[in-house]
């Protein structure tokens, strides 16, 4: 293939300019350099390359290789979105969701993500699952959330595969099916998702559709903890996800990966119950019985020492 170049050797084809920038952006074939990536994207963007416009917007949004500027990020992403770049629609929707450079607008986020999701952009499909699950910018629907997650999962997005697995495990948005839950969770775990590893351990501990084994559960959960699942659960729990709140409470209850704390466990269990998770009741009952027994034992020791 003949490549046209300027006198200084610079390629004139904006697509090739974009690909060179992408190599620098990702560190593929060359040492990663956001500054060089920004330079090449800027050259390609001068010729209205849609993908270059999108990546420039993203770089301005996060301050990668250039000073952070939400107004410039919005401008580039809007131009790329108008040229039907799915990633640009997703990133622009993210800015409207978080109120970065513009007033938060859930409806605009939903419109942009829905368009990108319809074009097969998996991250937007998972984003639509979140919006449907929480009723943000769209009517709340666990069924729709499951359907969007399944679309992304079938395209190989590990986070979506985990979400589908949990949906089957809990019977949310679809019928409960432990075999389907394990199948999707194992696929996600093989793709490196620590949340899926944790969930497989959870199922093994409680014998959900499989033989109960605390030893195997501990092995899987320790592996997930080594890969940062605590931070993932904490982020999810902070967004009022009751299933993650329950699991985070259980970690504090067991003292796995964290210092054991009945009070923190009870707080997270209570949060899950407040969000409508009926299954949290038995965890609350169990830990309250334990806390009462420990309190009596402590009082007994104090009385004994006084005598």
C-alpha atoms as a PDB file:
ATOM      1  CA  UNK A   1       0.000   0.000   0.000  1.00  0.00           C
ATOM      2  CA  UNK A   2       1.295   3.438  -0.940  1.00  0.00           C
ATOM      3  CA  UNK A   3       1.356   5.920   1.910  1.00  0.00           C
ATOM      4  CA  UNK A   4       1.342   9.625   1.051  1.00  0.00           C
ATOM      5  CA  UNK A   5       3.625  11.687   3.236  1.00  0.00           C
ATOM      6  CA  UNK A   6       4.576  15.320   3.666  1.00  0.00           C
ATOM      7  CA  UNK A   7       8.103  16.452   2.968  1.00  0.00           C
ATOM      8  CA  UNK A   8       9.011  15.853   6.619  1.00  0.00           C
ATOM      9  CA  UNK A   9       7.729  12.280   6.471  1.00  0.00           C
ATOM     10  CA  UNK A  10       4.402  12.954   8.189  1.00  0.00           C
ATOM     11  CA  UNK A  11       1.603  10.750   6.787  1.00  0.00           C
ATOM     12  CA  UNK A  12      -1.150  12.748   5.118  1.00  0.00           C
ATOM     13  CA  UNK A  13      -3.916  10.175   5.612  1.00  0.00           C
ATOM     14  CA  UNK A  14      -5.847  11.096   8.780  1.00  0.00           C
ATOM     15  CA  UNK A  15      -6.650   7.428   9.427  1.00  0.00           C
ATOM     16  CA  UNK A  16      -2.951   6.582   9.540  1.00  0.00           C
ATOM     17  CA  UNK A  17      -2.275   9.649  11.692  1.00  0.00           C
ATOM     18  CA  UNK A  18      -4.957   8.427  14.102  1.00  0.00           C
ATOM     19  CA  UNK A  19      -3.466   4.910  14.223  1.00  0.00           C
ATOM     20  CA  UNK A  20      -0.009   6.300  15.044  1.00  0.00           C
ATOM     21  CA  UNK A  21      -1.595   8.338  17.844  1.00  0.00           C
ATOM     22  CA  UNK A  22      -3.430   5.244  19.044  1.00  0.00           C
ATOM     23  CA  UNK A  23      -0.135   3.326  19.248  1.00  0.00           C
ATOM     24  CA  UNK A  24       1.273   6.052  21.497  1.00  0.00           C
ATOM     25  CA  UNK A  25      -1.959   6.215  23.511  1.00  0.00           C
ATOM     26  CA  UNK A  26      -2.003   2.478  24.247  1.00  0.00           C
ATOM     27  CA  UNK A  27       1.753   1.868  24.256  1.00  0.00           C
ATOM     28  CA  UNK A  28       1.484  -0.581  21.339  1.00  0.00           C
ATOM     29  CA  UNK A  29       4.759  -1.024  19.406  1.00  0.00           C
ATOM     30  CA  UNK A  30       6.113   2.193  20.979  1.00  0.00           C
ATOM     31  CA  UNK A  31       6.670   3.564  24.471  1.00  0.00           C
ATOM     32  CA  UNK A  32       3.385   4.985  25.764  1.00  0.00           C
ATOM     33  CA  UNK A  33       3.250   8.764  25.539  1.00  0.00           C
ATOM     34  CA  UNK A  34       0.034  10.713  25.973  1.00  0.00           C
ATOM     35  CA  UNK A  35       1.828  13.823  24.729  1.00  0.00           C
ATOM     36  CA  UNK A  36       2.729  12.148  21.415  1.00  0.00           C
ATOM     37  CA  UNK A  37      -0.733  10.620  21.177  1.00  0.00           C
ATOM     38  CA  UNK A  38      -2.277  14.056  21.648  1.00  0.00           C
ATOM     39  CA  UNK A  39      -0.039  15.508  18.920  1.00  0.00           C
ATOM     40  CA  UNK A  40      -1.002  12.857  16.367  1.00  0.00           C
ATOM     41  CA  UNK A  41      -4.681  12.965  17.241  1.00  0.00           C
ATOM     42  CA  UNK A  42      -4.622  16.741  16.837  1.00  0.00           C
ATOM     43  CA  UNK A  43      -3.118  16.425  13.354  1.00  0.00           C
ATOM     44  CA  UNK A  44      -5.784  13.885  12.353  1.00  0.00           C
ATOM     45  CA  UNK A  45      -8.565  15.950  13.937  1.00  0.00           C
ATOM     46  CA  UNK A  46      -7.638  18.910  11.738  1.00  0.00           C
ATOM     47  CA  UNK A  47      -8.926  16.739   8.868  1.00  0.00           C
ATOM     48  CA  UNK A  48     -12.057  15.834  10.864  1.00  0.00           C
ATOM     49  CA  UNK A  49     -11.095  12.245  11.593  1.00  0.00           C
ATOM     50  CA  UNK A  50     -14.002  11.144  13.839  1.00  0.00           C
ATOM     51  CA  UNK A  51     -11.994   8.735  16.007  1.00  0.00           C
ATOM     52  CA  UNK A  52      -9.280  11.315  16.587  1.00  0.00           C
ATOM     53  CA  UNK A  53     -11.915  13.852  17.651  1.00  0.00           C
ATOM     54  CA  UNK A  54     -13.284  11.293  20.094  1.00  0.00           C
ATOM     55  CA  UNK A  55      -9.909  10.498  21.676  1.00  0.00           C
ATOM     56  CA  UNK A  56      -9.005  14.183  21.910  1.00  0.00           C
ATOM     57  CA  UNK A  57     -12.242  14.732  23.814  1.00  0.00           C
ATOM     58  CA  UNK A  58     -11.411  11.879  26.154  1.00  0.00           C
ATOM     59  CA  UNK A  59      -7.880  13.224  26.737  1.00  0.00           C
ATOM     60  CA  UNK A  60      -9.222  16.681  27.590  1.00  0.00           C
ATOM     61  CA  UNK A  61     -11.811  15.081  29.898  1.00  0.00           C
ATOM     62  CA  UNK A  62      -9.191  13.205  31.924  1.00  0.00           C
ATOM     63  CA  UNK A  63      -6.224  15.544  31.421  1.00  0.00           C
ATOM     64  CA  UNK A  64      -4.150  12.946  29.576  1.00  0.00           C
ATOM     65  CA  UNK A  65      -1.143  14.575  27.909  1.00  0.00           C
ATOM     66  CA  UNK A  66      -2.872  17.953  28.048  1.00  0.00           C
ATOM     67  CA  UNK A  67      -4.434  20.223  30.648  1.00  0.00           C
ATOM     68  CA  UNK A  68      -7.884  19.048  31.706  1.00  0.00           C
ATOM     69  CA  UNK A  69     -10.665  21.069  30.064  1.00  0.00           C
ATOM     70  CA  UNK A  70     -14.296  20.012  30.251  1.00  0.00           C
ATOM     71  CA  UNK A  71     -15.487  22.630  27.711  1.00  0.00           C
ATOM     72  CA  UNK A  72     -12.979  21.391  25.107  1.00  0.00           C
ATOM     73  CA  UNK A  73     -13.795  17.776  25.967  1.00  0.00           C
ATOM     74  CA  UNK A  74     -17.502  18.448  25.401  1.00  0.00           C
ATOM     75  CA  UNK A  75     -16.789  20.189  22.115  1.00  0.00           C
ATOM     76  CA  UNK A  76     -14.686  17.388  20.648  1.00  0.00           C
ATOM     77  CA  UNK A  77     -16.985  14.638  21.912  1.00  0.00           C
ATOM     78  CA  UNK A  78     -20.072  16.366  20.563  1.00  0.00           C
ATOM     79  CA  UNK A  79     -18.451  16.650  17.126  1.00  0.00           C
ATOM     80  CA  UNK A  80     -17.467  12.976  17.186  1.00  0.00           C
ATOM     81  CA  UNK A  81     -20.934  11.954  18.428  1.00  0.00           C
ATOM     82  CA  UNK A  82     -22.544  13.804  15.537  1.00  0.00           C
ATOM     83  CA  UNK A  83     -20.313  11.671  13.280  1.00  0.00           C
ATOM     84  CA  UNK A  84     -21.775   8.525  14.912  1.00  0.00           C
ATOM     85  CA  UNK A  85     -18.730   7.372  16.909  1.00  0.00           C
ATOM     86  CA  UNK A  86     -20.181   5.050  19.594  1.00  0.00           C
ATOM     87  CA  UNK A  87     -17.309   5.608  22.034  1.00  0.00           C
ATOM     88  CA  UNK A  88     -17.792   9.373  21.791  1.00  0.00           C
ATOM     89  CA  UNK A  89     -21.497   8.968  22.613  1.00  0.00           C
ATOM     90  CA  UNK A  90     -20.582   6.900  25.652  1.00  0.00           C
ATOM     91  CA  UNK A  91     -17.930   9.341  26.920  1.00  0.00           C
ATOM     92  CA  UNK A  92     -20.223  12.323  26.310  1.00  0.00           C
ATOM     93  CA  UNK A  93     -22.997  10.541  28.182  1.00  0.00           C
ATOM     94  CA  UNK A  94     -20.583   9.973  31.036  1.00  0.00           C
ATOM     95  CA  UNK A  95     -19.908  13.707  31.221  1.00  0.00           C
ATOM     96  CA  UNK A  96     -23.632  14.480  31.396  1.00  0.00           C
ATOM     97  CA  UNK A  97     -24.118  11.769  33.994  1.00  0.00           C
ATOM     98  CA  UNK A  98     -21.381  13.132  36.251  1.00  0.00           C
ATOM     99  CA  UNK A  99     -22.044  16.808  35.524  1.00  0.00           C
ATOM    100  CA  UNK A 100     -18.580  17.391  34.089  1.00  0.00           C
ATOM    101  CA  UNK A 101     -18.640  20.730  32.291  1.00  0.00           C
ATOM    102  CA  UNK A 102     -22.422  20.671  32.078  1.00  0.00           C
ATOM    103  CA  UNK A 103     -25.428  20.283  34.356  1.00  0.00           C
ATOM    104  CA  UNK A 104     -26.196  16.610  35.082  1.00  0.00           C
ATOM    105  CA  UNK A 105     -28.805  15.335  32.633  1.00  0.00           C
ATOM    106  CA  UNK A 106     -29.765  11.659  33.087  1.00  0.00           C
ATOM    107  CA  UNK A 107     -32.109  11.774  30.087  1.00  0.00           C
ATOM    108  CA  UNK A 108     -29.327  12.965  27.784  1.00  0.00           C
ATOM    109  CA  UNK A 109     -27.007  10.287  29.150  1.00  0.00           C
ATOM    110  CA  UNK A 110     -29.653   7.641  28.493  1.00  0.00           C
ATOM    111  CA  UNK A 111     -30.225   8.908  24.948  1.00  0.00           C
ATOM    112  CA  UNK A 112     -26.507   8.876  24.107  1.00  0.00           C
ATOM    113  CA  UNK A 113     -25.814   5.512  25.721  1.00  0.00           C
ATOM    114  CA  UNK A 114     -28.872   3.926  24.132  1.00  0.00           C
ATOM    115  CA  UNK A 115     -27.675   5.042  20.697  1.00  0.00           C
ATOM    116  CA  UNK A 116     -24.151   3.705  21.308  1.00  0.00           C
ATOM    117  CA  UNK A 117     -25.534   0.479  22.778  1.00  0.00           C
ATOM    118  CA  UNK A 118     -27.741  -0.083  19.743  1.00  0.00           C
ATOM    119  CA  UNK A 119     -24.568   0.148  17.637  1.00  0.00           C
ATOM    120  CA  UNK A 120     -23.033  -2.679  19.679  1.00  0.00           C
ATOM    121  CA  UNK A 121     -20.753  -0.683  21.997  1.00  0.00           C
ATOM    122  CA  UNK A 122     -20.493  -3.047  24.957  1.00  0.00           C
ATOM    123  CA  UNK A 123     -19.549  -0.474  27.599  1.00  0.00           C
ATOM    124  CA  UNK A 124     -22.635   1.544  26.687  1.00  0.00           C
ATOM    125  CA  UNK A 125     -24.756  -1.612  26.856  1.00  0.00           C
ATOM    126  CA  UNK A 126     -23.526  -2.217  30.390  1.00  0.00           C
ATOM    127  CA  UNK A 127     -24.135   1.464  31.130  1.00  0.00           C
ATOM    128  CA  UNK A 128     -27.740   1.079  29.959  1.00  0.00           C
ATOM    129  CA  UNK A 129     -28.087  -1.910  32.292  1.00  0.00           C
ATOM    130  CA  UNK A 130     -27.074   0.347  35.192  1.00  0.00           C
ATOM    131  CA  UNK A 131     -29.536   3.070  34.139  1.00  0.00           C
ATOM    132  CA  UNK A 132     -32.386   0.568  33.827  1.00  0.00           C
ATOM    133  CA  UNK A 133     -31.482  -1.044  37.137  1.00  0.00           C
ATOM    134  CA  UNK A 134     -31.539   2.272  38.988  1.00  0.00           C
ATOM    135  CA  UNK A 135     -34.242   4.024  36.957  1.00  0.00           C
ATOM    136  CA  UNK A 136     -31.864   6.838  36.009  1.00  0.00           C
ATOM    137  CA  UNK A 137     -33.062   8.709  32.935  1.00  0.00           C
ATOM    138  CA  UNK A 138     -35.203   5.717  31.930  1.00  0.00           C
ATOM    139  CA  UNK A 139     -38.019   3.737  33.571  1.00  0.00           C
ATOM    140  CA  UNK A 140     -36.689   1.306  36.133  1.00  0.00           C
ATOM    141  CA  UNK A 141     -36.673  -2.269  34.821  1.00  0.00           C
ATOM    142  CA  UNK A 142     -34.615  -5.194  36.078  1.00  0.00           C
ATOM    143  CA  UNK A 143     -35.673  -7.152  33.007  1.00  0.00           C
ATOM    144  CA  UNK A 144     -34.293  -4.505  30.640  1.00  0.00           C
ATOM    145  CA  UNK A 145     -31.117  -4.288  32.753  1.00  0.00           C
ATOM    146  CA  UNK A 146     -30.635  -8.027  32.369  1.00  0.00           C
ATOM    147  CA  UNK A 147     -31.221  -7.879  28.607  1.00  0.00           C
ATOM    148  CA  UNK A 148     -28.647  -5.104  28.130  1.00  0.00           C
ATOM    149  CA  UNK A 149     -26.136  -6.965  30.310  1.00  0.00           C
ATOM    150  CA  UNK A 150     -26.679 -10.155  28.324  1.00  0.00           C
ATOM    151  CA  UNK A 151     -25.971  -8.357  25.041  1.00  0.00           C
ATOM    152  CA  UNK A 152     -22.635  -7.094  26.371  1.00  0.00           C
ATOM    153  CA  UNK A 153     -21.821 -10.445  28.000  1.00  0.00           C
ATOM    154  CA  UNK A 154     -22.293 -12.313  24.729  1.00  0.00           C
ATOM    155  CA  UNK A 155     -19.746  -9.976  23.147  1.00  0.00           C
ATOM    156  CA  UNK A 156     -17.171 -10.894  25.790  1.00  0.00           C
ATOM    157  CA  UNK A 157     -17.304  -8.005  28.274  1.00  0.00           C
ATOM    158  CA  UNK A 158     -16.254  -9.681  31.524  1.00  0.00           C
ATOM    159  CA  UNK A 159     -17.997  -7.181  33.826  1.00  0.00           C
ATOM    160  CA  UNK A 160     -21.249  -7.850  31.952  1.00  0.00           C
ATOM    161  CA  UNK A 161     -20.701 -11.613  32.196  1.00  0.00           C
ATOM    162  CA  UNK A 162     -20.371 -11.236  35.960  1.00  0.00           C
ATOM    163  CA  UNK A 163     -23.539  -9.135  36.091  1.00  0.00           C
ATOM    164  CA  UNK A 164     -25.448 -11.756  34.107  1.00  0.00           C
ATOM    165  CA  UNK A 165     -24.135 -14.480  36.424  1.00  0.00           C
ATOM    166  CA  UNK A 166     -25.298 -12.589  39.524  1.00  0.00           C
ATOM    167  CA  UNK A 167     -28.685 -11.932  37.893  1.00  0.00           C
ATOM    168  CA  UNK A 168     -29.155 -15.670  37.366  1.00  0.00           C
ATOM    169  CA  UNK A 169     -27.895 -16.394  40.894  1.00  0.00           C
ATOM    170  CA  UNK A 170     -30.270 -13.922  42.548  1.00  0.00           C
ATOM    171  CA  UNK A 171     -33.149 -14.260  40.096  1.00  0.00           C
ATOM    172  CA  UNK A 172     -33.150 -10.535  39.294  1.00  0.00           C
ATOM    173  CA  UNK A 173     -34.528  -9.624  35.878  1.00  0.00           C
ATOM    174  CA  UNK A 174     -34.648 -13.292  34.937  1.00  0.00           C
ATOM    175  CA  UNK A 175     -35.517 -16.653  36.439  1.00  0.00           C
ATOM    176  CA  UNK A 176     -33.080 -17.961  39.039  1.00  0.00           C
ATOM    177  CA  UNK A 177     -30.722 -20.577  37.599  1.00  0.00           C
ATOM    178  CA  UNK A 178     -27.620 -21.636  39.504  1.00  0.00           C
ATOM    179  CA  UNK A 179     -26.206 -23.630  36.542  1.00  0.00           C
ATOM    180  CA  UNK A 180     -26.468 -20.549  34.282  1.00  0.00           C
ATOM    181  CA  UNK A 181     -25.049 -18.380  37.066  1.00  0.00           C
ATOM    182  CA  UNK A 182     -22.009 -20.607  37.465  1.00  0.00           C
ATOM    183  CA  UNK A 183     -21.485 -20.846  33.694  1.00  0.00           C
ATOM    184  CA  UNK A 184     -21.393 -17.087  33.223  1.00  0.00           C
ATOM    185  CA  UNK A 185     -19.361 -16.459  36.373  1.00  0.00           C
ATOM    186  CA  UNK A 186     -16.759 -19.031  35.342  1.00  0.00           C
ATOM    187  CA  UNK A 187     -16.506 -17.409  31.908  1.00  0.00           C
ATOM    188  CA  UNK A 188     -15.996 -13.995  33.522  1.00  0.00           C
ATOM    189  CA  UNK A 189     -13.453 -15.398  35.995  1.00  0.00           C
ATOM    190  CA  UNK A 190     -11.502 -16.956  33.122  1.00  0.00           C
ATOM    191  CA  UNK A 191     -11.479 -13.497  31.527  1.00  0.00           C
ATOM    192  CA  UNK A 192      -9.873 -12.136  34.703  1.00  0.00           C
ATOM    193  CA  UNK A 193     -12.825 -10.553  36.510  1.00  0.00           C
ATOM    194  CA  UNK A 194     -12.181 -10.650  40.296  1.00  0.00           C
ATOM    195  CA  UNK A 195     -15.841  -9.967  41.103  1.00  0.00           C
ATOM    196  CA  UNK A 196     -16.776 -13.222  39.352  1.00  0.00           C
ATOM    197  CA  UNK A 197     -14.175 -15.119  41.376  1.00  0.00           C
ATOM    198  CA  UNK A 198     -15.671 -13.738  44.573  1.00  0.00           C
ATOM    199  CA  UNK A 199     -19.180 -14.734  43.518  1.00  0.00           C
ATOM    200  CA  UNK A 200     -18.060 -18.274  42.719  1.00  0.00           C
ATOM    201  CA  UNK A 201     -16.596 -18.440  46.230  1.00  0.00           C
ATOM    202  CA  UNK A 202     -19.847 -17.080  47.688  1.00  0.00           C
ATOM    203  CA  UNK A 203     -21.851 -19.772  45.895  1.00  0.00           C
ATOM    204  CA  UNK A 204     -19.440 -22.461  47.063  1.00  0.00           C
ATOM    205  CA  UNK A 205     -19.587 -21.271  50.684  1.00  0.00           C
ATOM    206  CA  UNK A 206     -23.390 -21.380  50.825  1.00  0.00           C
ATOM    207  CA  UNK A 207     -23.773 -24.401  48.542  1.00  0.00           C
ATOM    208  CA  UNK A 208     -25.835 -22.532  45.958  1.00  0.00           C
ATOM    209  CA  UNK A 209     -26.327 -25.043  43.166  1.00  0.00           C
ATOM    210  CA  UNK A 210     -23.130 -26.831  44.133  1.00  0.00           C
ATOM    211  CA  UNK A 211     -21.606 -28.824  46.969  1.00  0.00           C
ATOM    212  CA  UNK A 212     -20.846 -26.629  49.969  1.00  0.00           C
ATOM    213  CA  UNK A 213     -17.125 -26.225  50.654  1.00  0.00           C
ATOM    214  CA  UNK A 214     -15.726 -23.562  52.959  1.00  0.00           C
ATOM    215  CA  UNK A 215     -12.174 -24.517  51.972  1.00  0.00           C
ATOM    216  CA  UNK A 216     -12.809 -23.986  48.262  1.00  0.00           C
ATOM    217  CA  UNK A 217     -14.809 -20.839  49.002  1.00  0.00           C
ATOM    218  CA  UNK A 218     -11.920 -19.365  50.990  1.00  0.00           C
ATOM    219  CA  UNK A 219      -9.461 -20.191  48.198  1.00  0.00           C
ATOM    220  CA  UNK A 220     -11.576 -18.453  45.565  1.00  0.00           C
ATOM    221  CA  UNK A 221     -12.366 -15.423  47.723  1.00  0.00           C
ATOM    222  CA  UNK A 222      -8.741 -14.994  48.797  1.00  0.00           C
ATOM    223  CA  UNK A 223      -7.792 -15.009  45.118  1.00  0.00           C
ATOM    224  CA  UNK A 224     -10.453 -12.389  44.402  1.00  0.00           C
ATOM    225  CA  UNK A 225      -9.247 -10.254  47.324  1.00  0.00           C
ATOM    226  CA  UNK A 226      -5.684 -10.399  45.985  1.00  0.00           C
ATOM    227  CA  UNK A 227      -7.043  -8.998  42.719  1.00  0.00           C
ATOM    228  CA  UNK A 228      -8.780  -6.029  44.367  1.00  0.00           C
ATOM    229  CA  UNK A 229     -12.342  -7.247  44.783  1.00  0.00           C
ATOM    230  CA  UNK A 230     -12.738  -5.405  48.100  1.00  0.00           C
ATOM    231  CA  UNK A 231     -12.457  -2.037  46.336  1.00  0.00           C
ATOM    232  CA  UNK A 232     -14.926  -3.176  43.675  1.00  0.00           C
ATOM    233  CA  UNK A 233     -17.459  -4.297  46.283  1.00  0.00           C
ATOM    234  CA  UNK A 234     -16.972  -1.086  48.241  1.00  0.00           C
ATOM    235  CA  UNK A 235     -17.619   1.077  45.165  1.00  0.00           C
ATOM    236  CA  UNK A 236     -20.720  -0.919  44.301  1.00  0.00           C
ATOM    237  CA  UNK A 237     -21.955  -0.822  47.905  1.00  0.00           C
ATOM    238  CA  UNK A 238     -21.542   2.953  48.013  1.00  0.00           C
ATOM    239  CA  UNK A 239     -23.948   3.226  45.047  1.00  0.00           C
ATOM    240  CA  UNK A 240     -26.580   1.477  47.210  1.00  0.00           C
ATOM    241  CA  UNK A 241     -26.220  -1.900  45.490  1.00  0.00           C
ATOM    242  CA  UNK A 242     -27.817  -4.197  48.113  1.00  0.00           C
ATOM    243  CA  UNK A 243     -26.123  -7.370  46.879  1.00  0.00           C
ATOM    244  CA  UNK A 244     -22.682  -5.795  47.207  1.00  0.00           C
ATOM    245  CA  UNK A 245     -23.629  -4.316  50.595  1.00  0.00           C
ATOM    246  CA  UNK A 246     -24.578  -7.805  51.797  1.00  0.00           C
ATOM    247  CA  UNK A 247     -21.326  -9.318  50.567  1.00  0.00           C
ATOM    248  CA  UNK A 248     -19.210  -6.511  52.013  1.00  0.00           C
ATOM    249  CA  UNK A 249     -20.944  -6.967  55.354  1.00  0.00           C
ATOM    250  CA  UNK A 250     -20.234 -10.682  55.163  1.00  0.00           C
ATOM    251  CA  UNK A 251     -16.516 -10.028  54.652  1.00  0.00           C
ATOM    252  CA  UNK A 252     -16.490  -7.981  57.875  1.00  0.00           C
ATOM    253  CA  UNK A 253     -18.578 -10.671  59.541  1.00  0.00           C
ATOM    254  CA  UNK A 254     -16.059 -13.370  58.563  1.00  0.00           C
ATOM    255  CA  UNK A 255     -12.936 -11.224  58.873  1.00  0.00           C
ATOM    256  CA  UNK A 256     -11.784 -12.267  55.392  1.00  0.00           C
ATOM    257  CA  UNK A 257      -9.519  -9.670  53.810  1.00  0.00           C
ATOM    258  CA  UNK A 258     -10.499  -7.118  56.464  1.00  0.00           C
ATOM    259  CA  UNK A 259     -10.356  -6.811  60.230  1.00  0.00           C
ATOM    260  CA  UNK A 260     -13.388  -8.578  61.648  1.00  0.00           C
ATOM    261  CA  UNK A 261     -16.017  -6.116  62.837  1.00  0.00           C
ATOM    262  CA  UNK A 262     -19.547  -7.044  63.876  1.00  0.00           C
ATOM    263  CA  UNK A 263     -20.554  -3.382  63.871  1.00  0.00           C
ATOM    264  CA  UNK A 264     -19.429  -2.778  60.264  1.00  0.00           C
ATOM    265  CA  UNK A 265     -20.992  -6.052  59.197  1.00  0.00           C
ATOM    266  CA  UNK A 266     -24.288  -5.071  60.798  1.00  0.00           C
ATOM    267  CA  UNK A 267     -24.169  -1.629  59.186  1.00  0.00           C
ATOM    268  CA  UNK A 268     -23.761  -3.090  55.678  1.00  0.00           C
ATOM    269  CA  UNK A 269     -26.344  -5.816  56.298  1.00  0.00           C
ATOM    270  CA  UNK A 270     -28.780  -3.138  57.466  1.00  0.00           C
ATOM    271  CA  UNK A 271     -28.067  -1.088  54.348  1.00  0.00           C
ATOM    272  CA  UNK A 272     -28.922  -4.086  52.174  1.00  0.00           C
ATOM    273  CA  UNK A 273     -32.148  -4.638  54.095  1.00  0.00           C
ATOM    274  CA  UNK A 274     -33.028  -0.946  53.785  1.00  0.00           C
ATOM    275  CA  UNK A 275     -32.621  -1.274  50.004  1.00  0.00           C
ATOM    276  CA  UNK A 276     -35.215  -4.052  50.047  1.00  0.00           C
ATOM    277  CA  UNK A 277     -33.025  -7.172  50.060  1.00  0.00           C
ATOM    278  CA  UNK A 278     -35.061  -9.583  52.179  1.00  0.00           C
ATOM    279  CA  UNK A 279     -32.211 -12.105  52.292  1.00  0.00           C
ATOM    280  CA  UNK A 280     -30.305  -9.685  54.531  1.00  0.00           C
ATOM    281  CA  UNK A 281     -32.649 -10.482  57.424  1.00  0.00           C
ATOM    282  CA  UNK A 282     -31.059 -13.816  58.321  1.00  0.00           C
ATOM    283  CA  UNK A 283     -27.569 -12.296  58.279  1.00  0.00           C
ATOM    284  CA  UNK A 284     -28.762  -9.540  60.613  1.00  0.00           C
ATOM    285  CA  UNK A 285     -30.429 -12.039  62.943  1.00  0.00           C
ATOM    286  CA  UNK A 286     -27.297 -14.192  63.041  1.00  0.00           C
ATOM    287  CA  UNK A 287     -24.893 -11.370  63.829  1.00  0.00           C
ATOM    288  CA  UNK A 288     -27.222  -9.829  66.442  1.00  0.00           C
ATOM    289  CA  UNK A 289     -27.319 -13.178  68.266  1.00  0.00           C
ATOM    290  CA  UNK A 290     -23.531 -13.332  68.137  1.00  0.00           C
ATOM    291  CA  UNK A 291     -23.099  -9.749  69.340  1.00  0.00           C
ATOM    292  CA  UNK A 292     -25.484 -10.390  72.238  1.00  0.00           C
ATOM    293  CA  UNK A 293     -23.586 -13.553  73.228  1.00  0.00           C
ATOM    294  CA  UNK A 294     -20.256 -11.716  73.071  1.00  0.00           C
ATOM    295  CA  UNK A 295     -21.663  -8.879  75.154  1.00  0.00           C
ATOM    296  CA  UNK A 296     -22.841 -11.308  77.838  1.00  0.00           C
ATOM    297  CA  UNK A 297     -19.482 -13.037  77.826  1.00  0.00           C
ATOM    298  CA  UNK A 298     -17.694  -9.701  78.252  1.00  0.00           C
ATOM    299  CA  UNK A 299     -19.979  -8.750  81.145  1.00  0.00           C
ATOM    300  CA  UNK A 300     -19.314 -12.109  82.742  1.00  0.00           C
ATOM    301  CA  UNK A 301     -15.586 -11.604  82.524  1.00  0.00           C
ATOM    302  CA  UNK A 302     -15.890  -8.097  84.041  1.00  0.00           C
ATOM    303  CA  UNK A 303     -18.012  -9.438  86.947  1.00  0.00           C
ATOM    304  CA  UNK A 304     -15.550 -12.258  87.525  1.00  0.00           C
ATOM    305  CA  UNK A 305     -12.603  -9.855  87.670  1.00  0.00           C
ATOM    306  CA  UNK A 306     -14.408  -7.618  90.177  1.00  0.00           C
ATOM    307  CA  UNK A 307     -15.158 -10.583  92.469  1.00  0.00           C
END
